[in-house]
Each structure stands twice: as C-alpha cells, then as structure tokens.
Amino acid sequence: MSTQPSKSLDTFPNPKPERDYEIRMECPEFTCVCPKTGQPDFATIRIRYVPDQTCVELKSLKLYLWSYRDEGAFHEAVTNKILDDLVAATQPRKMTVEADFYVRGGIRTVVEATHTA
C-alpha cells in the first residue's frame, strides 16, 4: 500500500454484520487550504458510523484525509465531501462526520454532516 496521499478508500468485511455497533475515529491533524486566502486550515475530523457489510481500512483513511493537505476547500464543502466519499465506499447503516476547525480570525467552526440509510 502507498504512503502517498490518495483519494482511494479501502474496505474490509464487517466481522459482525448482524450486529449494530459504532466505530469512532478521530484525526486531530487534518489540514486543507482556505480557497479565499490560501492559508492552511487545521481541524480535528471525527467519524462515527454503524457499519453494514464493510468497514473502512484505517491506513487508507489516513492517506485519504492527507490528500486534502494542499486542496482549497471551504469547511462545509470538505466535511460533506468526506462524508459522501466514506458513504460511497462503505455503505454504512449510519455515519456522521464532524469537522472541528481551529480558531481562525477569532471564529471557531464546527461542521457536522450525517447520513442515514
């Protein structure tokens, strides 16, 4: 597997598809670029989901999130794009992505997007 940024998300079979259980992941080092100023935006990305048949593989998730490092994206757009891509890859029963952006210009932004099957 690559150690370069990638938009590819790998999955593996859910070991307990008959049971509802929640998986939580946190990435405190997410970075993208403000499309208006070109300045970096830093955030903690929190992902919570109830898997159906597949789970997301963590290294591919890390490389996927890393791929935003040099991309211009508004907070709302990047949060929803991450959710859309994860839903497309895993088809979960439920998933929430929360992007908790660090204070910039005196304003802290938290964006939360949810998918339910």
N, C-alpha and C. Protein backbone atom coordinates (compact mmCIF):
# COMPACT_ATOMS: atom_id res chain seq x y z
N MET A 1 0.84 -1.18 0.00
CA MET A 1 0.00 0.00 0.00
C MET A 1 0.88 1.24 0.00
N SER A 2 0.42 2.26 -0.65
CA SER A 2 1.15 3.51 -0.81
C SER A 2 1.29 4.27 0.52
N THR A 3 2.29 5.14 0.57
CA THR A 3 2.40 6.06 1.71
C THR A 3 2.27 7.49 1.20
N GLN A 4 1.69 7.65 0.02
CA GLN A 4 1.43 8.96 -0.56
C GLN A 4 -0.06 9.28 -0.39
N PRO A 5 -0.42 10.56 -0.38
CA PRO A 5 -1.83 10.91 -0.30
C PRO A 5 -2.62 10.22 -1.41
N SER A 6 -3.86 9.85 -1.11
CA SER A 6 -4.67 9.11 -2.08
C SER A 6 -6.15 9.38 -1.84
N LYS A 7 -6.92 9.44 -2.91
CA LYS A 7 -8.38 9.59 -2.79
C LYS A 7 -9.07 8.23 -2.71
N SER A 8 -8.31 7.15 -2.70
CA SER A 8 -8.86 5.81 -2.64
C SER A 8 -9.12 5.40 -1.19
N LEU A 9 -10.30 4.84 -0.95
CA LEU A 9 -10.64 4.33 0.37
C LEU A 9 -10.83 2.82 0.27
N ASP A 10 -10.03 2.08 1.03
CA ASP A 10 -10.13 0.63 1.04
C ASP A 10 -11.07 0.20 2.17
N THR A 11 -11.68 -0.96 1.98
CA THR A 11 -12.58 -1.51 2.98
C THR A 11 -12.23 -2.96 3.25
N PHE A 12 -12.83 -3.50 4.30
CA PHE A 12 -12.70 -4.92 4.60
C PHE A 12 -14.06 -5.39 5.12
N PRO A 13 -14.33 -6.69 5.07
CA PRO A 13 -15.64 -7.20 5.50
C PRO A 13 -15.89 -6.95 6.99
N ASN A 14 -17.09 -6.52 7.30
CA ASN A 14 -17.51 -6.31 8.68
C ASN A 14 -17.50 -7.67 9.39
N PRO A 15 -16.76 -7.81 10.49
CA PRO A 15 -16.71 -9.10 11.17
C PRO A 15 -18.01 -9.48 11.89
N LYS A 16 -18.91 -8.52 12.10
CA LYS A 16 -20.18 -8.79 12.79
C LYS A 16 -21.32 -8.03 12.11
N PRO A 17 -21.62 -8.34 10.85
CA PRO A 17 -22.65 -7.56 10.13
C PRO A 17 -24.05 -7.73 10.69
N GLU A 18 -24.29 -8.76 11.48
CA GLU A 18 -25.62 -8.97 12.04
C GLU A 18 -25.89 -8.08 13.26
N ARG A 19 -24.87 -7.39 13.75
CA ARG A 19 -24.99 -6.59 14.97
C ARG A 19 -24.77 -5.11 14.65
N ASP A 20 -25.57 -4.25 15.24
CA ASP A 20 -25.31 -2.82 15.18
C ASP A 20 -24.26 -2.48 16.24
N TYR A 21 -23.18 -1.88 15.83
CA TYR A 21 -22.17 -1.36 16.76
C TYR A 21 -21.55 -0.14 16.11
N GLU A 22 -21.01 0.75 16.92
CA GLU A 22 -20.48 2.01 16.41
C GLU A 22 -18.96 1.99 16.40
N ILE A 23 -18.40 2.50 15.31
CA ILE A 23 -16.96 2.69 15.19
C ILE A 23 -16.71 4.19 15.23
N ARG A 24 -15.74 4.60 16.04
CA ARG A 24 -15.39 6.02 16.14
C ARG A 24 -13.92 6.19 15.80
N MET A 25 -13.65 7.19 14.99
CA MET A 25 -12.27 7.51 14.61
C MET A 25 -12.07 9.01 14.75
N GLU A 26 -10.86 9.40 15.08
CA GLU A 26 -10.54 10.81 15.24
C GLU A 26 -9.20 11.10 14.60
N CYS A 27 -9.17 12.12 13.77
CA CYS A 27 -7.93 12.56 13.14
C CYS A 27 -7.67 14.00 13.55
N PRO A 28 -6.79 14.21 14.54
CA PRO A 28 -6.55 15.57 15.05
C PRO A 28 -5.57 16.39 14.20
N GLU A 29 -5.14 15.85 13.07
CA GLU A 29 -4.13 16.55 12.27
C GLU A 29 -4.60 16.83 10.84
N PHE A 30 -5.91 17.01 10.64
CA PHE A 30 -6.43 17.29 9.31
C PHE A 30 -6.05 18.69 8.88
N THR A 31 -5.65 18.83 7.62
CA THR A 31 -5.29 20.12 7.06
C THR A 31 -5.85 20.25 5.65
N CYS A 32 -6.42 21.40 5.36
CA CYS A 32 -6.76 21.78 3.99
C CYS A 32 -6.38 23.25 3.84
N VAL A 33 -6.71 23.84 2.70
CA VAL A 33 -6.31 25.22 2.43
C VAL A 33 -7.56 26.06 2.21
N CYS A 34 -7.59 27.24 2.79
CA CYS A 34 -8.70 28.16 2.57
C CYS A 34 -8.68 28.60 1.11
N PRO A 35 -9.78 28.40 0.37
CA PRO A 35 -9.79 28.78 -1.04
C PRO A 35 -9.79 30.30 -1.26
N LYS A 36 -10.10 31.06 -0.24
CA LYS A 36 -10.11 32.52 -0.35
C LYS A 36 -8.72 33.13 -0.10
N THR A 37 -8.03 32.61 0.93
CA THR A 37 -6.78 33.24 1.36
C THR A 37 -5.54 32.43 1.02
N GLY A 38 -5.73 31.13 0.76
CA GLY A 38 -4.58 30.26 0.54
C GLY A 38 -3.89 29.83 1.82
N GLN A 39 -4.43 30.24 2.96
CA GLN A 39 -3.84 29.90 4.25
C GLN A 39 -4.30 28.51 4.67
N PRO A 40 -3.47 27.79 5.44
CA PRO A 40 -3.89 26.46 5.89
C PRO A 40 -5.00 26.54 6.94
N ASP A 41 -5.90 25.59 6.88
CA ASP A 41 -6.94 25.41 7.89
C ASP A 41 -6.68 24.07 8.56
N PHE A 42 -6.70 24.05 9.87
CA PHE A 42 -6.44 22.84 10.64
C PHE A 42 -7.72 22.42 11.36
N ALA A 43 -7.94 21.12 11.43
CA ALA A 43 -9.15 20.63 12.09
C ALA A 43 -8.92 19.26 12.69
N THR A 44 -9.80 18.91 13.60
CA THR A 44 -9.93 17.54 14.06
C THR A 44 -11.15 16.97 13.37
N ILE A 45 -10.96 15.87 12.65
CA ILE A 45 -12.06 15.19 11.98
C ILE A 45 -12.48 14.01 12.85
N ARG A 46 -13.76 13.96 13.18
CA ARG A 46 -14.31 12.84 13.95
C ARG A 46 -15.32 12.11 13.08
N ILE A 47 -15.17 10.81 13.00
CA ILE A 47 -16.06 9.98 12.19
C ILE A 47 -16.69 8.94 13.11
N ARG A 48 -18.01 8.84 13.05
CA ARG A 48 -18.75 7.82 13.80
C ARG A 48 -19.64 7.11 12.81
N TYR A 49 -19.60 5.77 12.83
CA TYR A 49 -20.51 5.07 11.93
C TYR A 49 -20.88 3.69 12.44
N VAL A 50 -22.04 3.25 11.98
CA VAL A 50 -22.52 1.89 12.21
C VAL A 50 -22.34 1.18 10.87
N PRO A 51 -21.41 0.24 10.79
CA PRO A 51 -21.15 -0.42 9.51
C PRO A 51 -22.26 -1.38 9.12
N ASP A 52 -22.36 -1.63 7.83
CA ASP A 52 -23.26 -2.68 7.35
C ASP A 52 -22.39 -3.86 6.94
N GLN A 53 -22.05 -3.99 5.69
CA GLN A 53 -21.27 -5.13 5.22
C GLN A 53 -19.75 -4.88 5.22
N THR A 54 -19.34 -3.60 5.21
CA THR A 54 -17.90 -3.30 5.15
C THR A 54 -17.52 -2.21 6.15
N CYS A 55 -16.23 -2.20 6.48
CA CYS A 55 -15.63 -1.18 7.33
C CYS A 55 -14.50 -0.50 6.54
N VAL A 56 -14.21 0.74 6.89
CA VAL A 56 -13.12 1.43 6.21
C VAL A 56 -11.79 1.02 6.84
N GLU A 57 -10.80 0.80 6.00
CA GLU A 57 -9.46 0.42 6.44
C GLU A 57 -8.72 1.70 6.87
N LEU A 58 -8.09 1.67 8.03
CA LEU A 58 -7.57 2.90 8.65
C LEU A 58 -6.41 3.55 7.90
N LYS A 59 -5.48 2.78 7.36
CA LYS A 59 -4.37 3.41 6.65
C LYS A 59 -4.87 4.13 5.41
N SER A 60 -5.81 3.53 4.69
CA SER A 60 -6.34 4.21 3.51
C SER A 60 -7.10 5.48 3.92
N LEU A 61 -7.77 5.44 5.09
CA LEU A 61 -8.44 6.64 5.58
C LEU A 61 -7.43 7.74 5.88
N LYS A 62 -6.33 7.37 6.52
CA LYS A 62 -5.28 8.34 6.82
C LYS A 62 -4.75 8.99 5.54
N LEU A 63 -4.46 8.18 4.52
CA LEU A 63 -3.94 8.70 3.26
C LEU A 63 -4.99 9.53 2.53
N TYR A 64 -6.25 9.13 2.65
CA TYR A 64 -7.35 9.89 2.05
C TYR A 64 -7.43 11.28 2.70
N LEU A 65 -7.46 11.33 4.03
CA LEU A 65 -7.54 12.62 4.71
C LEU A 65 -6.32 13.48 4.42
N TRP A 66 -5.16 12.84 4.30
CA TRP A 66 -3.92 13.54 3.98
C TRP A 66 -4.02 14.19 2.60
N SER A 67 -4.81 13.63 1.70
CA SER A 67 -4.89 14.15 0.32
C SER A 67 -5.48 15.55 0.26
N TYR A 68 -6.12 16.00 1.32
CA TYR A 68 -6.70 17.35 1.34
C TYR A 68 -5.68 18.43 1.73
N ARG A 69 -4.50 18.03 2.12
CA ARG A 69 -3.50 18.94 2.67
C ARG A 69 -3.25 20.17 1.79
N ASP A 70 -3.20 19.99 0.48
CA ASP A 70 -2.90 21.11 -0.43
C ASP A 70 -4.10 21.54 -1.27
N GLU A 71 -5.30 21.08 -0.90
CA GLU A 71 -6.50 21.42 -1.65
C GLU A 71 -7.25 22.57 -1.00
N GLY A 72 -7.74 23.46 -1.84
CA GLY A 72 -8.60 24.54 -1.36
C GLY A 72 -10.00 24.01 -1.14
N ALA A 73 -10.55 24.24 0.05
CA ALA A 73 -11.89 23.75 0.35
C ALA A 73 -12.51 24.54 1.49
N PHE A 74 -13.75 24.94 1.30
CA PHE A 74 -14.49 25.54 2.40
C PHE A 74 -14.82 24.46 3.42
N HIS A 75 -14.94 24.84 4.67
CA HIS A 75 -15.19 23.89 5.75
C HIS A 75 -16.42 23.02 5.47
N GLU A 76 -17.50 23.66 5.06
CA GLU A 76 -18.74 22.95 4.81
C GLU A 76 -18.60 21.95 3.66
N ALA A 77 -17.91 22.36 2.62
CA ALA A 77 -17.75 21.50 1.44
C ALA A 77 -16.88 20.30 1.74
N VAL A 78 -15.77 20.49 2.43
CA VAL A 78 -14.86 19.38 2.69
C VAL A 78 -15.49 18.37 3.65
N THR A 79 -16.25 18.85 4.62
CA THR A 79 -16.92 17.93 5.56
C THR A 79 -17.91 17.05 4.82
N ASN A 80 -18.72 17.65 3.97
CA ASN A 80 -19.70 16.89 3.21
C ASN A 80 -19.06 15.97 2.18
N LYS A 81 -17.95 16.38 1.59
CA LYS A 81 -17.24 15.53 0.62
C LYS A 81 -16.66 14.30 1.31
N ILE A 82 -16.08 14.48 2.49
CA ILE A 82 -15.55 13.35 3.24
C ILE A 82 -16.69 12.37 3.56
N LEU A 83 -17.81 12.89 4.02
CA LEU A 83 -18.96 12.02 4.31
C LEU A 83 -19.41 11.29 3.04
N ASP A 84 -19.57 12.00 1.94
CA ASP A 84 -20.03 11.38 0.69
C ASP A 84 -19.09 10.27 0.25
N ASP A 85 -17.78 10.52 0.32
CA ASP A 85 -16.81 9.51 -0.12
C ASP A 85 -16.81 8.28 0.79
N LEU A 86 -16.91 8.50 2.10
CA LEU A 86 -16.95 7.38 3.03
C LEU A 86 -18.23 6.57 2.88
N VAL A 87 -19.35 7.24 2.67
CA VAL A 87 -20.61 6.53 2.45
C VAL A 87 -20.54 5.71 1.16
N ALA A 88 -20.00 6.29 0.11
CA ALA A 88 -19.87 5.56 -1.16
C ALA A 88 -18.99 4.32 -1.00
N ALA A 89 -17.94 4.43 -0.20
CA ALA A 89 -17.01 3.31 -0.02
C ALA A 89 -17.57 2.22 0.88
N THR A 90 -18.31 2.59 1.93
CA THR A 90 -18.69 1.60 2.94
C THR A 90 -20.18 1.28 3.01
N GLN A 91 -21.04 2.14 2.47
CA GLN A 91 -22.49 1.93 2.55
C GLN A 91 -22.93 1.62 3.99
N PRO A 92 -22.64 2.51 4.94
CA PRO A 92 -22.95 2.23 6.34
C PRO A 92 -24.44 2.35 6.64
N ARG A 93 -24.84 1.82 7.78
CA ARG A 93 -26.22 1.99 8.25
C ARG A 93 -26.45 3.43 8.70
N LYS A 94 -25.40 4.02 9.29
CA LYS A 94 -25.43 5.42 9.71
C LYS A 94 -24.00 5.92 9.80
N MET A 95 -23.79 7.19 9.45
CA MET A 95 -22.45 7.77 9.57
C MET A 95 -22.57 9.27 9.81
N THR A 96 -21.71 9.77 10.69
CA THR A 96 -21.59 11.20 10.94
C THR A 96 -20.13 11.60 10.84
N VAL A 97 -19.87 12.69 10.14
CA VAL A 97 -18.54 13.27 10.07
C VAL A 97 -18.62 14.66 10.70
N GLU A 98 -17.77 14.88 11.68
CA GLU A 98 -17.68 16.18 12.33
C GLU A 98 -16.30 16.76 12.06
N ALA A 99 -16.27 17.99 11.57
CA ALA A 99 -15.01 18.69 11.34
C ALA A 99 -14.96 19.87 12.31
N ASP A 100 -14.04 19.80 13.24
CA ASP A 100 -13.88 20.81 14.29
C ASP A 100 -12.64 21.63 13.93
N PHE A 101 -12.86 22.76 13.25
CA PHE A 101 -11.76 23.58 12.76
C PHE A 101 -11.23 24.50 13.86
N TYR A 102 -9.92 24.67 13.86
CA TYR A 102 -9.27 25.52 14.85
C TYR A 102 -9.68 26.98 14.63
N VAL A 103 -9.55 27.77 15.66
CA VAL A 103 -9.91 29.18 15.59
C VAL A 103 -9.07 29.88 14.53
N ARG A 104 -9.77 30.65 13.71
CA ARG A 104 -9.11 31.45 12.68
C ARG A 104 -9.88 32.75 12.54
N GLY A 105 -9.20 33.88 12.66
CA GLY A 105 -9.89 35.16 12.60
C GLY A 105 -10.86 35.35 13.76
N GLY A 106 -10.58 34.67 14.87
CA GLY A 106 -11.43 34.79 16.05
C GLY A 106 -12.68 33.92 16.01
N ILE A 107 -12.80 33.07 14.99
CA ILE A 107 -14.00 32.23 14.86
C ILE A 107 -13.61 30.77 14.79
N ARG A 108 -14.27 29.98 15.60
CA ARG A 108 -14.11 28.52 15.56
C ARG A 108 -15.32 27.96 14.82
N THR A 109 -15.09 27.06 13.88
CA THR A 109 -16.17 26.48 13.09
C THR A 109 -16.21 24.97 13.32
N VAL A 110 -17.42 24.46 13.59
CA VAL A 110 -17.64 23.02 13.68
C VAL A 110 -18.75 22.68 12.69
N VAL A 111 -18.44 21.77 11.76
CA VAL A 111 -19.42 21.35 10.75
C VAL A 111 -19.68 19.87 10.98
N GLU A 112 -20.96 19.48 11.05
CA GLU A 112 -21.33 18.09 11.23
C GLU A 112 -22.31 17.69 10.13
N ALA A 113 -22.02 16.60 9.45
CA ALA A 113 -22.88 16.08 8.39
C ALA A 113 -23.20 14.63 8.70
N THR A 114 -24.46 14.23 8.48
CA THR A 114 -24.91 12.88 8.83
C THR A 114 -25.61 12.21 7.66
N HIS A 115 -25.34 10.91 7.53
CA HIS A 115 -26.01 10.05 6.56
C HIS A 115 -26.74 8.95 7.32
N THR A 116 -27.99 8.68 6.94
CA THR A 116 -28.70 7.53 7.49
C THR A 116 -29.25 6.72 6.32
N ALA A 117 -29.14 5.40 6.45
CA ALA A 117 -29.57 4.50 5.36
C ALA A 117 -31.08 4.40 5.32
